[in-house]
Amino acid sequence: MAFTRRRRIFGSRSQKHYSNGSGNNFGGGRGQNKIRYMRVDPLMLIKKAQPQLISEYDSKNSFADFNLDTIIYKNLTHKGYKSPTPIQDRVIGEIMAGGDVLGLAATGTGKTAAFLLPIIHKLINNRDQRAIIITPTRELAVQIIDEIKAFTFGSRCYFTLIIGGVDIRRQIRELARNPQIVVGTPGRIKDLTDRGGLKLEQYQTIVLDEVDRMLDMGFIGEITRLIGKLPRVRQSLFFSATMSDKARQIASRFLLNPVTVQVETQRASDNVDQDVVRVANRNKIDVLRELLTKPGFDKVLVFGRTKRGMDRLSRNLFEKGFKTAAIHGNKSQSQRQRALDAFKNNRVQVLVATDVAARGIDIDDVTHVINYELPETYDDYIHRIGRTGRADKTGVALTFID
């Protein structure tokens, strides 16, 4: 079998700021189907950070104004939450009013807390209520569970996680204990529903989170079938960064007379310095290694396209003395979680990843995102670089191009 042929996609000239380099396509693999490359002008990938454009949001409400349960308010204070973000300010009251909500917000805008806080308030005050939250990736599901743990501390609210890569029999036992909150991914939710361990008709509140990503990953069939099993009387919350035609079709089936809240549509973070690394006649891996030895490259997230390619890249860096870990869809859940924990806790310098890590993963102090290979779409690019420049800090995004 032949390797997938790379297509040259950039024709225009651009600035050159970092080492020139090129070479081996570590993202390729035998027998791979041809994957589309993002077609953009390189100038779209060059932009200086402009943190001065980000003004502090003057929220109309304080958290106290929402009359959240005292346990939630205490936990918010403990976590250092001072005032609502725009999506929280506009969505929490609508959800607490009981209607369906369509929330359009980019990554990193605080939408997880926007839907969790009113849901937890409802469940604390009505123990018979249940909620299910469906997310595209295991990592995002784990992150939501961590947020639930923090917000429900001291409330005796019981919740569980149902994702692939974990013993399904244990998850069936957990569901038999009637948790008030279930967080899961579409594939495992479908498996457990088919086995009778998960009865969707028992959940009065349903959240579809990062819908655009779920559809990109091919979950439209699963989502459509799952919606058909939901109770007719329910509160439905639908969150997405973008609204494709497919997403609109799902929303029309899922939501009833929703309130639409849109804040901060997809755009590159003003806190991220974006630049390109032009490649010419050198081996790309050599250029990456040179960058990683430069001062300031302390916590680096490197994105590529294929699982096999990212494994090869990680091994190559490890053999050259770099502390590195890899995360992609072929890793077991325990392997993925160990890699993320090592990166979060600064035990490795470099996390090599496919786009499984591009959405919803909140890791502090990522100094650089490097697009070793281009993503398929500009939206994917935005999500990738959104892993740095978070929490009012400035980050750097570099993209390798021919």
Protein backbone atom coordinates (compact mmCIF):
# COMPACT_ATOMS: atom_id res chain seq x y z
CA MET A 1 0.00 0.00 0.00
CA ALA A 2 1.17 3.48 -0.74
CA PHE A 3 1.44 6.27 1.76
CA THR A 4 -1.18 8.97 1.45
CA ARG A 5 0.25 11.71 -0.72
CA ARG A 6 0.54 15.13 0.87
CA ARG A 7 -1.00 17.95 -1.08
CA ARG A 8 0.55 21.37 -1.15
CA ILE A 9 -2.09 23.76 0.09
CA PHE A 10 -0.41 27.11 0.55
CA GLY A 11 0.45 29.28 -2.39
CA SER A 12 0.95 32.74 -0.94
CA ARG A 13 4.04 34.15 0.70
CA SER A 14 4.17 34.94 4.37
CA GLN A 15 6.48 36.14 7.08
CA LYS A 16 9.21 33.93 8.47
CA HIS A 17 9.99 34.20 12.16
CA TYR A 18 11.22 30.84 13.43
CA SER A 19 13.62 28.19 12.13
CA ASN A 20 12.94 26.93 8.64
CA GLY A 21 12.34 23.20 8.41
CA SER A 22 10.49 20.46 6.66
CA GLY A 23 10.62 16.79 6.01
CA ASN A 24 9.01 13.59 7.12
CA ASN A 25 5.29 13.35 7.51
CA PHE A 26 5.03 11.72 10.92
CA GLY A 27 1.25 12.01 10.74
CA GLY A 28 0.87 9.67 7.78
CA GLY A 29 0.31 5.96 7.90
CA ARG A 30 -0.12 2.98 5.64
CA GLY A 31 -3.59 2.36 4.37
CA GLN A 32 -4.92 5.71 5.54
CA ASN A 33 -7.76 7.28 3.62
CA LYS A 34 -6.89 10.62 2.10
CA ILE A 35 -7.64 13.32 4.65
CA ARG A 36 -8.58 16.86 3.69
CA TYR A 37 -6.18 19.60 4.64
CA MET A 38 -7.28 22.99 5.78
CA ARG A 39 -7.15 25.42 2.87
CA VAL A 40 -6.27 28.86 4.18
CA ASP A 41 -3.97 31.72 3.44
CA PRO A 42 -0.95 31.52 5.78
CA LEU A 43 -1.63 35.11 6.76
CA MET A 44 -4.67 33.80 8.64
CA LEU A 45 -2.27 32.00 10.97
CA ILE A 46 -0.18 35.07 11.81
CA LYS A 47 -1.51 37.43 14.42
CA LYS A 48 0.00 39.16 17.41
CA ALA A 49 -1.73 38.70 20.73
CA GLN A 50 -3.93 41.65 21.62
CA PRO A 51 -4.88 41.13 25.28
CA GLN A 52 -5.67 44.83 25.57
CA LEU A 53 -8.77 44.17 23.44
CA ILE A 54 -10.20 41.96 26.17
CA SER A 55 -12.06 44.18 28.58
CA GLU A 56 -13.43 42.91 31.86
CA TYR A 57 -17.03 41.87 31.42
CA ASP A 58 -19.50 43.89 33.44
CA SER A 59 -22.04 41.23 34.35
CA LYS A 60 -25.66 42.19 34.92
CA ASN A 61 -25.96 39.59 37.69
CA SER A 62 -23.85 38.36 40.54
CA PHE A 63 -23.90 34.68 41.45
CA ALA A 64 -25.91 35.65 44.53
CA ASP A 65 -28.62 37.11 42.27
CA PHE A 66 -29.43 33.65 40.89
CA ASN A 67 -30.49 32.40 44.36
CA LEU A 68 -28.45 29.23 43.96
CA ASP A 69 -28.46 26.74 46.81
CA THR A 70 -26.17 27.83 49.64
CA ILE A 71 -23.99 24.73 49.16
CA ILE A 72 -23.35 25.70 45.52
CA TYR A 73 -22.64 29.30 46.45
CA LYS A 74 -20.17 28.19 49.11
CA ASN A 75 -18.39 25.95 46.61
CA LEU A 76 -18.26 28.76 44.04
CA THR A 77 -16.60 30.99 46.59
CA HIS A 78 -14.13 28.24 47.50
CA LYS A 79 -13.21 27.85 43.81
CA GLY A 80 -12.59 31.56 43.51
CA TYR A 81 -15.51 32.40 41.22
CA LYS A 82 -16.15 36.14 41.58
CA SER A 83 -18.63 37.10 38.88
CA PRO A 84 -20.36 35.33 35.99
CA THR A 85 -18.85 35.17 32.51
CA PRO A 86 -21.08 36.41 29.66
CA ILE A 87 -22.51 32.96 28.90
CA GLN A 88 -23.09 32.28 32.61
CA ASP A 89 -24.68 35.69 33.12
CA ARG A 90 -27.19 35.13 30.32
CA VAL A 91 -27.86 31.38 30.56
CA ILE A 92 -28.11 30.47 34.26
CA GLY A 93 -31.35 32.38 34.85
CA GLU A 94 -32.92 30.97 31.67
CA ILE A 95 -32.11 27.39 32.69
CA MET A 96 -33.40 27.96 36.21
CA ALA A 97 -36.67 29.21 34.67
CA GLY A 98 -37.12 25.71 33.22
CA GLY A 99 -37.17 26.36 29.48
CA ASP A 100 -35.07 24.87 26.70
CA VAL A 101 -31.88 26.75 25.87
CA LEU A 102 -29.71 26.90 22.77
CA GLY A 103 -26.31 28.24 23.80
CA LEU A 104 -23.72 29.26 21.20
CA ALA A 105 -20.35 29.96 22.76
CA ALA A 106 -16.73 29.34 21.94
CA THR A 107 -14.46 27.12 23.98
CA GLY A 108 -13.12 28.61 27.20
CA THR A 109 -16.11 30.88 27.86
CA GLY A 110 -17.32 29.11 31.00
CA LYS A 111 -20.30 27.31 29.52
CA THR A 112 -19.78 24.13 31.58
CA ALA A 113 -20.53 26.01 34.78
CA ALA A 114 -23.31 27.85 32.95
CA PHE A 115 -25.35 24.67 32.64
CA LEU A 116 -24.03 22.77 35.67
CA LEU A 117 -24.90 25.35 38.33
CA PRO A 118 -28.66 25.54 37.64
CA ILE A 119 -28.87 21.77 37.06
CA ILE A 120 -27.19 21.02 40.38
CA HIS A 121 -29.45 23.55 42.12
CA LYS A 122 -32.48 21.72 40.71
CA LEU A 123 -31.19 18.30 41.78
CA ILE A 124 -30.25 19.35 45.30
CA ASN A 125 -33.75 20.71 45.83
CA ASN A 126 -35.55 17.80 44.17
CA ARG A 127 -33.92 14.44 44.80
CA ASP A 128 -36.25 12.72 42.33
CA GLN A 129 -34.86 14.69 39.39
CA ARG A 130 -32.13 13.30 37.11
CA ALA A 131 -29.92 14.83 34.45
CA ILE A 132 -27.78 13.36 31.68
CA ILE A 133 -24.97 15.24 29.95
CA ILE A 134 -23.65 13.95 26.61
CA THR A 135 -20.21 15.07 25.38
CA PRO A 136 -18.09 14.16 22.33
CA THR A 137 -14.92 13.00 24.07
CA ARG A 138 -13.93 11.08 27.16
CA GLU A 139 -11.60 13.86 28.27
CA LEU A 140 -14.36 16.45 28.24
CA ALA A 141 -16.64 14.07 30.12
CA VAL A 142 -13.97 13.56 32.80
CA GLN A 143 -13.49 17.32 33.05
CA ILE A 144 -17.21 17.87 33.53
CA ILE A 145 -17.26 15.23 36.27
CA ASP A 146 -14.42 17.08 38.02
CA GLU A 147 -16.48 20.28 37.89
CA ILE A 148 -19.50 18.44 39.28
CA LYS A 149 -17.41 17.13 42.16
CA ALA A 150 -16.35 20.66 43.05
CA PHE A 151 -19.81 22.24 42.76
CA THR A 152 -21.66 19.45 44.62
CA PHE A 153 -19.22 19.07 47.52
CA GLY A 154 -21.21 18.59 50.72
CA SER A 155 -24.55 18.10 48.92
CA ARG A 156 -24.83 14.28 48.83
CA CYS A 157 -25.60 14.54 45.13
CA TYR A 158 -24.65 11.25 43.44
CA PHE A 159 -23.21 11.23 39.91
CA THR A 160 -21.40 8.84 37.62
CA LEU A 161 -19.29 8.76 34.46
CA ILE A 162 -20.02 6.42 31.53
CA ILE A 163 -17.40 6.44 28.80
CA GLY A 164 -15.57 3.94 26.63
CA GLY A 165 -12.30 2.36 27.69
CA VAL A 166 -13.70 1.51 31.12
CA ASP A 167 -15.31 -1.74 32.35
CA ILE A 168 -18.94 -1.51 31.22
CA ARG A 169 -20.08 -3.95 33.93
CA ARG A 170 -18.96 -1.53 36.62
CA GLN A 171 -20.85 1.25 34.88
CA ILE A 172 -24.01 -0.89 34.83
CA ARG A 173 -23.63 -1.35 38.60
CA GLU A 174 -23.17 2.40 39.05
CA LEU A 175 -26.32 3.12 37.05
CA ALA A 176 -28.27 0.63 39.17
CA ARG A 177 -27.64 2.96 42.12
CA ASN A 178 -29.77 5.62 40.38
CA PRO A 179 -27.30 8.51 40.15
CA GLN A 180 -28.83 11.96 39.83
CA ILE A 181 -26.30 13.04 37.18
CA VAL A 182 -24.85 10.90 34.40
CA VAL A 183 -22.08 12.24 32.16
CA GLY A 184 -21.11 10.19 29.12
CA THR A 185 -20.07 9.88 25.51
CA PRO A 186 -22.49 8.88 22.70
CA GLY A 187 -21.03 5.45 21.95
CA ARG A 188 -21.06 4.19 25.53
CA ILE A 189 -24.47 5.75 26.22
CA LYS A 190 -25.83 3.87 23.20
CA ASP A 191 -24.25 0.60 24.40
CA LEU A 192 -25.71 0.94 27.88
CA THR A 193 -29.11 1.94 26.50
CA ASP A 194 -29.15 -1.11 24.22
CA ARG A 195 -28.26 -3.34 27.19
CA GLY A 196 -31.04 -1.86 29.31
CA GLY A 197 -28.64 -0.49 31.91
CA LEU A 198 -29.46 3.11 31.02
CA LYS A 199 -33.08 4.18 30.63
CA LEU A 200 -33.10 7.58 28.99
CA GLU A 201 -36.81 8.06 29.61
CA GLN A 202 -36.00 8.51 33.32
CA TYR A 203 -33.99 11.71 32.79
CA GLN A 204 -35.86 15.00 32.96
CA THR A 205 -32.89 17.24 32.04
CA ILE A 206 -30.65 16.52 29.05
CA VAL A 207 -27.58 18.42 27.89
CA LEU A 208 -25.91 18.00 24.51
CA ASP A 209 -22.51 19.67 24.86
CA GLU A 210 -20.08 20.51 22.03
CA VAL A 211 -22.65 19.36 19.48
CA ASP A 212 -20.62 20.54 16.50
CA ARG A 213 -17.73 18.33 17.57
CA MET A 214 -20.02 15.33 18.05
CA LEU A 215 -21.31 15.75 14.52
CA ASP A 216 -17.76 16.18 13.16
CA MET A 217 -16.89 12.85 14.80
CA GLY A 218 -19.75 11.10 13.02
CA PHE A 219 -22.15 10.75 15.94
CA ILE A 220 -25.21 12.13 14.15
CA GLY A 221 -26.84 8.70 13.94
CA GLU A 222 -26.30 7.95 17.62
CA ILE A 223 -27.52 11.39 18.68
CA THR A 224 -30.66 11.09 16.55
CA ARG A 225 -31.48 7.67 18.00
CA LEU A 226 -30.82 8.80 21.57
CA ILE A 227 -33.12 11.80 21.16
CA GLY A 228 -35.87 9.39 20.09
CA LYS A 229 -35.61 7.61 23.45
CA LEU A 230 -35.88 10.75 25.61
CA PRO A 231 -39.08 11.57 27.53
CA ARG A 232 -41.45 13.96 25.77
CA VAL A 233 -41.62 16.23 28.82
CA ARG A 234 -38.09 17.36 29.59
CA GLN A 235 -35.74 20.33 29.75
CA SER A 236 -33.26 20.24 26.89
CA LEU A 237 -30.02 22.23 26.77
CA PHE A 238 -28.00 22.40 23.56
CA PHE A 239 -24.51 23.91 23.49
CA SER A 240 -22.33 24.33 20.44
CA ALA A 241 -19.60 26.62 19.14
CA THR A 242 -20.98 26.67 15.58
CA MET A 243 -24.31 25.83 13.96
CA SER A 244 -23.98 23.75 10.81
CA ASP A 245 -27.02 22.56 8.88
CA LYS A 246 -26.76 19.20 10.64
CA ALA A 247 -26.60 20.88 14.04
CA ARG A 248 -29.72 22.91 13.19
CA GLN A 249 -31.55 19.71 12.26
CA ILE A 250 -30.61 18.13 15.59
CA ALA A 251 -31.60 21.28 17.48
CA SER A 252 -35.02 21.40 15.80
CA ARG A 253 -35.74 17.83 16.94
CA PHE A 254 -34.22 18.24 20.39
CA LEU A 255 -35.46 21.66 21.54
CA LEU A 256 -38.93 23.10 22.11
CA ASN A 257 -39.28 26.88 21.72
CA PRO A 258 -35.74 27.45 23.00
CA VAL A 259 -34.24 30.68 24.25
CA THR A 260 -31.15 31.31 22.11
CA VAL A 261 -28.09 32.82 23.77
CA GLN A 262 -25.04 33.58 21.66
CA VAL A 263 -21.78 34.97 22.96
CA GLU A 264 -18.24 35.06 21.63
CA THR A 265 -18.53 33.14 18.39
CA GLN A 266 -15.60 31.14 17.06
CA ARG A 267 -12.47 33.25 16.76
CA ALA A 268 -8.83 32.96 17.70
CA SER A 269 -8.03 34.08 21.20
CA ASP A 270 -6.75 37.61 21.52
CA ASN A 271 -4.38 36.21 24.14
CA VAL A 272 -2.55 33.99 21.63
CA ASP A 273 0.44 35.03 19.51
CA GLN A 274 -0.07 33.17 16.23
CA ASP A 275 2.78 32.52 13.82
CA VAL A 276 3.97 30.09 11.18
CA VAL A 277 7.11 28.00 10.87
CA ARG A 278 8.03 27.80 7.18
CA VAL A 279 9.46 24.46 6.10
CA ALA A 280 11.72 24.00 3.10
CA ASN A 281 14.43 21.35 2.87
CA ARG A 282 14.87 20.18 6.44
CA ASN A 283 13.34 17.33 8.37
CA LYS A 284 10.29 18.58 10.23
CA ILE A 285 11.10 16.57 13.34
CA ASP A 286 14.49 18.27 13.56
CA VAL A 287 12.83 21.67 13.52
CA LEU A 288 10.41 20.62 16.25
CA ARG A 289 13.25 19.37 18.45
CA GLU A 290 15.13 22.66 17.99
CA LEU A 291 12.06 24.63 19.02
CA LEU A 292 11.56 22.49 22.12
CA THR A 293 15.06 23.31 23.35
CA LYS A 294 14.46 27.07 23.16
CA PRO A 295 13.83 29.04 26.37
CA GLY A 296 10.17 29.35 27.28
CA PHE A 297 8.95 26.14 25.60
CA ASP A 298 8.09 24.75 29.01
CA LYS A 299 4.67 23.16 28.49
CA VAL A 300 3.99 22.37 24.84
CA LEU A 301 0.97 20.75 23.20
CA VAL A 302 1.77 19.35 19.73
CA PHE A 303 -1.11 18.49 17.41
CA GLY A 304 -1.09 16.07 14.49
CA ARG A 305 -3.69 14.17 12.51
CA THR A 306 -3.24 10.42 12.98
CA LYS A 307 -2.92 8.13 15.95
CA ARG A 308 -0.03 6.14 14.51
CA GLY A 309 1.81 9.28 13.47
CA MET A 310 1.54 10.85 16.89
CA ASP A 311 2.80 7.65 18.53
CA ARG A 312 5.86 7.72 16.24
CA LEU A 313 6.45 11.37 16.97
CA SER A 314 6.19 10.83 20.72
CA ARG A 315 8.65 7.92 20.61
CA ASN A 316 11.09 9.95 18.51
CA LEU A 317 11.03 12.83 20.98
CA PHE A 318 11.41 10.47 23.92
CA GLU A 319 14.43 8.80 22.33
CA LYS A 320 16.00 12.25 21.94
CA GLY A 321 15.65 12.94 25.64
CA PHE A 322 12.39 14.91 25.83
CA LYS A 323 9.84 14.14 28.51
CA THR A 324 6.78 13.42 26.43
CA ALA A 325 3.42 11.63 26.41
CA ALA A 326 0.85 10.90 23.70
CA ILE A 327 -2.92 10.98 23.69
CA HIS A 328 -5.28 9.76 20.97
CA GLY A 329 -8.31 7.58 20.38
CA ASN A 330 -6.45 4.24 20.38
CA LYS A 331 -5.14 4.77 23.90
CA SER A 332 -7.08 3.20 26.75
CA GLN A 333 -8.89 5.58 29.05
CA SER A 334 -6.37 4.97 31.83
CA GLN A 335 -3.47 5.71 29.44
CA ARG A 336 -5.13 8.90 28.25
CA GLN A 337 -5.82 10.07 31.77
CA ARG A 338 -2.26 9.31 32.92
CA ALA A 339 -0.87 11.30 29.99
CA LEU A 340 -3.12 14.27 30.76
CA ASP A 341 -2.28 14.14 34.46
CA ALA A 342 1.45 14.01 33.73
CA PHE A 343 1.14 17.03 31.45
CA LYS A 344 -1.03 18.99 33.87
CA ASN A 345 1.35 18.30 36.75
CA ASN A 346 4.47 19.22 34.72
CA ARG A 347 5.95 15.72 34.74
CA VAL A 348 6.25 15.87 30.95
CA GLN A 349 7.19 18.86 28.81
CA VAL A 350 5.42 17.80 25.61
CA LEU A 351 1.98 16.30 25.08
CA VAL A 352 1.56 14.96 21.54
CA ALA A 353 -2.07 14.66 20.54
CA THR A 354 -4.65 14.24 17.84
CA ASP A 355 -7.72 16.46 17.85
CA VAL A 356 -9.18 14.38 20.68
CA ALA A 357 -7.44 16.93 22.95
CA ALA A 358 -8.54 20.00 21.00
CA ARG A 359 -11.92 20.47 22.64
CA GLY A 360 -12.82 21.23 26.20
CA ILE A 361 -9.50 20.31 27.80
CA ASP A 362 -8.59 22.98 30.34
CA ILE A 363 -4.90 22.73 31.20
CA ASP A 364 -3.21 25.56 33.06
CA ASP A 365 -0.11 27.34 31.77
CA VAL A 366 0.31 25.73 28.34
CA THR A 367 3.07 27.92 26.91
CA HIS A 368 2.84 26.78 23.27
CA VAL A 369 0.53 24.98 20.90
CA ILE A 370 2.33 23.63 17.83
CA ASN A 371 0.35 22.52 14.80
CA TYR A 372 2.84 19.93 13.57
CA GLU A 373 0.25 19.06 10.96
CA LEU A 374 -2.65 21.16 9.81
CA PRO A 375 -6.14 20.35 11.02
CA GLU A 376 -8.97 19.61 8.62
CA THR A 377 -10.82 22.89 9.21
CA TYR A 378 -10.22 26.39 10.50
CA ASP A 379 -12.67 25.72 13.34
CA ASP A 380 -10.43 22.84 14.44
CA TYR A 381 -7.46 25.21 14.30
CA ILE A 382 -9.27 27.64 16.61
CA HIS A 383 -10.01 24.89 19.09
CA ARG A 384 -6.41 23.69 19.03
CA ILE A 385 -4.85 27.06 19.74
CA GLY A 386 -7.48 27.71 22.40
CA ARG A 387 -5.54 25.33 24.68
CA THR A 388 -3.05 28.15 25.35
CA GLY A 389 -3.54 31.80 26.28
CA ARG A 390 -6.14 30.90 28.89
CA ALA A 391 -7.09 32.62 32.14
CA ASP A 392 -5.83 36.03 30.97
CA LYS A 393 -2.36 34.68 30.18
CA THR A 394 -0.61 35.04 26.83
CA GLY A 395 0.28 31.93 24.84
CA VAL A 396 1.93 31.13 21.53
CA ALA A 397 0.58 29.08 18.61
CA LEU A 398 2.94 27.96 15.84
CA THR A 399 1.87 26.20 12.65
CA PHE A 400 4.25 24.23 10.41
CA ILE A 401 3.64 24.88 6.73
CA ASP A 402 5.45 24.03 3.50
